[in-house]
Amino acid sequence: MGLFSRKQSATPAVPAPRAVDPALAALTGDYTIDPAHSSIGFTVRHAMVTNVKGAFTEHEGTLGLDGTDPSRSTASIDVRIASVDTGMKDRDAHLRGDDFFDAERFPVMSFRSTAAEQLGGDRYRITGDLTIKDVTRPLSIDLEFNGSATDVYGNERVGFEGGAEILRSDWGLTWNAALETGGVMVSDKVKLTFDISAVKAAPQA
């Protein structure tokens, strides 16, 4: 009998329950980002011909991981703008100043997650609100789960790495200078990189 030879009664399909990976489920809990073993960096095109890389060396944050339902996971990160480091003091001072971040008036850049999803395998995407200066806009960060381990001090750790691209002008960072040969000194597009190690908090008694 052919597939379409007889009208079938309409029965709503019931989705199969999603299998929970016990190893992931065991990671559920609250974590504190370890700034000594984490990095938040950026890359921007300079003078149209090369890339300048930098990092923010002072930051803190927390992760709330739900291994049974990754969509319920959360992230919160605060970055000290004054800690920007590109390897050149004059350039770093310019970035901290009024032309760019205005670190004296706006000392912290923050990210607060609003959604999370598992893309497949060890790949995840976390979406949230990125605030730079007095501008808040949505940002999605693609991450890869690097695994978990217990370190020599008995701390349970997890690791993630990933990145995102933004247009700095979306956050009001518009300073630039025209080049005689055409183009501009600093590209609008900025690549962000994240390499995160986080330590699981001890369960409350």
Protein backbone atom coordinates (compact mmCIF):
# COMPACT_ATOMS: atom_id res chain seq x y z
CA MET A 1 0.00 0.00 0.00
CA GLY A 2 1.41 3.35 -1.05
CA LEU A 3 2.20 6.09 1.44
CA PHE A 4 -0.56 8.37 0.11
CA SER A 5 -3.12 5.74 -0.86
CA ARG A 6 -5.19 6.18 2.29
CA LYS A 7 -5.93 9.25 4.37
CA GLN A 8 -4.28 9.00 7.74
CA SER A 9 -5.82 10.38 10.91
CA ALA A 10 -4.09 13.50 12.14
CA THR A 11 -2.19 12.64 15.30
CA PRO A 12 0.01 15.31 16.85
CA ALA A 13 3.64 14.26 16.88
CA VAL A 14 5.07 14.01 20.36
CA PRO A 15 8.74 14.97 20.43
CA ALA A 16 11.02 12.39 21.93
CA PRO A 17 12.55 13.43 25.23
CA ARG A 18 16.03 14.86 24.82
CA ALA A 19 18.72 12.58 26.17
CA VAL A 20 20.74 14.18 28.94
CA ASP A 21 24.49 13.61 28.94
CA PRO A 22 25.38 12.63 32.53
CA ALA A 23 28.83 14.22 32.17
CA LEU A 24 27.28 17.55 31.22
CA ALA A 25 24.60 17.27 33.87
CA ALA A 26 27.35 16.91 36.49
CA LEU A 27 28.72 20.33 35.49
CA THR A 28 25.54 22.12 36.55
CA GLY A 29 26.29 24.85 39.07
CA ASP A 30 27.65 28.33 39.64
CA TYR A 31 31.16 29.23 38.52
CA THR A 32 33.51 32.17 39.04
CA ILE A 33 35.69 33.20 36.12
CA ASP A 34 39.39 32.91 37.01
CA PRO A 35 40.99 36.10 35.65
CA ALA A 36 44.51 34.72 36.11
CA HIS A 37 43.79 31.96 33.59
CA SER A 38 41.32 33.73 31.31
CA SER A 39 41.71 36.37 28.62
CA ILE A 40 39.43 38.84 26.87
CA GLY A 41 41.07 40.19 23.75
CA PHE A 42 40.40 42.12 20.58
CA THR A 43 41.84 42.62 17.11
CA VAL A 44 41.34 45.70 14.95
CA ARG A 45 42.71 46.66 11.53
CA HIS A 46 45.20 49.54 11.63
CA ALA A 47 45.94 51.83 8.66
CA MET A 48 44.14 49.36 6.37
CA VAL A 49 47.18 47.07 6.19
CA THR A 50 47.82 45.32 9.51
CA ASN A 51 46.14 44.13 12.68
CA VAL A 52 46.63 45.46 16.20
CA LYS A 53 45.83 43.04 19.01
CA GLY A 54 45.08 43.93 22.59
CA ALA A 55 43.44 42.67 25.75
CA PHE A 56 41.68 43.81 28.89
CA THR A 57 43.76 42.41 31.71
CA GLU A 58 41.33 43.11 34.58
CA HIS A 59 37.91 41.48 34.51
CA GLU A 60 35.59 39.44 36.66
CA GLY A 61 32.49 37.42 36.07
CA THR A 62 30.30 34.45 36.82
CA LEU A 63 28.75 31.58 34.88
CA GLY A 64 25.60 29.69 35.75
CA LEU A 65 25.76 26.39 33.89
CA ASP A 66 22.83 24.04 33.44
CA GLY A 67 24.10 20.81 31.95
CA THR A 68 20.62 19.30 31.69
CA ASP A 69 19.22 22.29 29.79
CA PRO A 70 21.96 24.55 28.33
CA SER A 71 19.35 27.17 27.33
CA ARG A 72 19.04 28.03 31.03
CA SER A 73 22.75 28.82 31.40
CA THR A 74 23.83 32.39 32.14
CA ALA A 75 26.92 34.60 32.03
CA SER A 76 27.87 37.92 33.59
CA ILE A 77 31.18 39.73 32.93
CA ASP A 78 32.57 43.12 33.98
CA VAL A 79 35.72 44.48 32.34
CA ARG A 80 37.87 47.34 33.66
CA ILE A 81 38.45 49.68 30.72
CA ALA A 82 41.61 51.14 32.27
CA SER A 83 43.25 47.71 31.98
CA VAL A 84 43.40 47.88 28.16
CA ASP A 85 46.80 46.73 26.93
CA THR A 86 48.00 46.79 23.33
CA GLY A 87 51.68 46.79 24.13
CA MET A 88 52.11 50.54 23.50
CA LYS A 89 51.60 53.03 26.34
CA ASP A 90 50.67 56.02 24.16
CA ARG A 91 48.08 54.01 22.25
CA ASP A 92 46.63 52.59 25.44
CA ALA A 93 46.33 56.10 26.89
CA HIS A 94 44.51 57.21 23.72
CA LEU A 95 42.07 54.29 24.03
CA ARG A 96 41.33 55.20 27.65
CA GLY A 97 40.72 58.85 26.74
CA ASP A 98 37.74 60.81 25.46
CA ASP A 99 38.27 59.81 21.81
CA PHE A 100 37.46 56.20 22.61
CA PHE A 101 36.34 54.63 25.89
CA ASP A 102 36.46 57.66 28.21
CA ALA A 103 37.51 55.34 31.02
CA GLU A 104 37.34 58.05 33.68
CA ARG A 105 33.59 58.53 33.16
CA PHE A 106 32.78 54.97 32.10
CA PRO A 107 35.23 52.68 33.91
CA VAL A 108 33.45 49.37 33.25
CA MET A 109 32.32 47.50 30.15
CA SER A 110 29.73 44.83 30.97
CA PHE A 111 27.98 41.84 29.42
CA ARG A 112 24.79 40.28 30.79
CA SER A 113 23.39 37.22 29.06
CA THR A 114 19.76 36.99 28.02
CA ALA A 115 19.71 33.63 26.19
CA ALA A 116 21.86 30.57 25.53
CA GLU A 117 21.65 27.70 23.08
CA GLN A 118 23.56 24.57 22.15
CA LEU A 119 24.46 24.67 18.44
CA GLY A 120 25.61 21.08 18.27
CA GLY A 121 28.33 19.04 19.89
CA ASP A 122 30.54 21.27 22.03
CA ARG A 123 29.46 24.47 20.28
CA TYR A 124 27.25 27.02 22.05
CA ARG A 125 25.96 30.52 21.48
CA ILE A 126 25.27 32.97 24.27
CA THR A 127 23.39 36.18 23.59
CA GLY A 128 23.15 39.16 25.85
CA ASP A 129 23.50 42.89 26.36
CA LEU A 130 26.92 44.48 25.93
CA THR A 131 27.29 47.91 27.52
CA ILE A 132 30.14 50.20 26.51
CA LYS A 133 30.11 53.75 27.85
CA ASP A 134 26.39 54.63 27.99
CA VAL A 135 25.29 52.42 25.07
CA THR A 136 23.75 48.96 25.48
CA ARG A 137 23.25 46.72 22.45
CA PRO A 138 22.75 42.97 21.89
CA LEU A 139 25.73 40.73 21.25
CA SER A 140 25.96 37.03 20.40
CA ILE A 141 29.12 35.12 21.25
CA ASP A 142 29.89 31.71 19.74
CA LEU A 143 31.79 29.47 22.14
CA GLU A 144 33.35 26.03 22.16
CA PHE A 145 33.37 23.99 25.33
CA ASN A 146 36.97 22.87 25.91
CA GLY A 147 36.16 20.44 28.69
CA SER A 148 36.30 20.14 32.47
CA ALA A 149 38.92 19.04 34.96
CA THR A 150 39.85 19.04 38.63
CA ASP A 151 43.03 21.05 39.16
CA VAL A 152 45.84 20.28 41.61
CA TYR A 153 44.09 22.33 44.30
CA GLY A 154 40.89 20.33 44.02
CA ASN A 155 38.96 23.01 42.10
CA GLU A 156 36.47 21.88 39.49
CA ARG A 157 37.13 23.87 36.32
CA VAL A 158 35.46 24.34 32.96
CA GLY A 159 36.90 26.04 29.89
CA PHE A 160 35.38 27.85 26.93
CA GLU A 161 36.87 29.74 24.01
CA GLY A 162 35.23 31.70 21.24
CA GLY A 163 34.61 35.07 19.73
CA ALA A 164 32.36 37.63 18.13
CA GLU A 165 32.57 40.57 15.74
CA ILE A 166 31.16 44.02 16.39
CA LEU A 167 31.09 47.41 14.74
CA ARG A 168 32.54 49.77 17.34
CA SER A 169 30.47 52.64 15.93
CA ASP A 170 27.35 50.84 17.19
CA TRP A 171 28.58 51.67 20.70
CA GLY A 172 29.55 55.25 19.90
CA LEU A 173 33.26 54.56 19.39
CA THR A 174 33.58 56.58 16.20
CA TRP A 175 36.98 58.30 16.38
CA ASN A 176 39.05 57.95 13.22
CA ALA A 177 41.53 59.68 10.94
CA ALA A 178 41.61 59.67 7.15
CA LEU A 179 44.70 58.36 5.36
CA GLU A 180 46.29 60.24 2.47
CA THR A 181 46.22 57.06 0.39
CA GLY A 182 42.52 56.48 1.12
CA GLY A 183 40.78 54.62 3.87
CA VAL A 184 40.97 55.28 7.60
CA MET A 185 43.38 54.74 10.46
CA VAL A 186 41.19 52.35 12.50
CA SER A 187 38.64 49.89 11.14
CA ASP A 188 35.07 49.95 12.39
CA LYS A 189 34.99 46.16 12.69
CA VAL A 190 36.50 44.70 15.85
CA LYS A 191 37.05 41.01 16.51
CA LEU A 192 36.55 39.94 20.11
CA THR A 193 38.13 36.81 21.56
CA PHE A 194 37.37 34.97 24.78
CA ASP A 195 39.37 32.26 26.51
CA ILE A 196 37.63 31.48 29.78
CA SER A 197 38.52 29.27 32.71
CA ALA A 198 35.97 29.17 35.50
CA VAL A 199 35.97 27.51 38.91
CA LYS A 200 32.88 25.84 40.34
CA ALA A 201 31.58 27.24 43.59
CA ALA A 202 31.35 24.89 46.54
CA PRO A 203 27.78 23.71 47.17
CA GLN A 204 26.03 25.58 49.95
CA ALA A 205 25.41 23.64 53.12
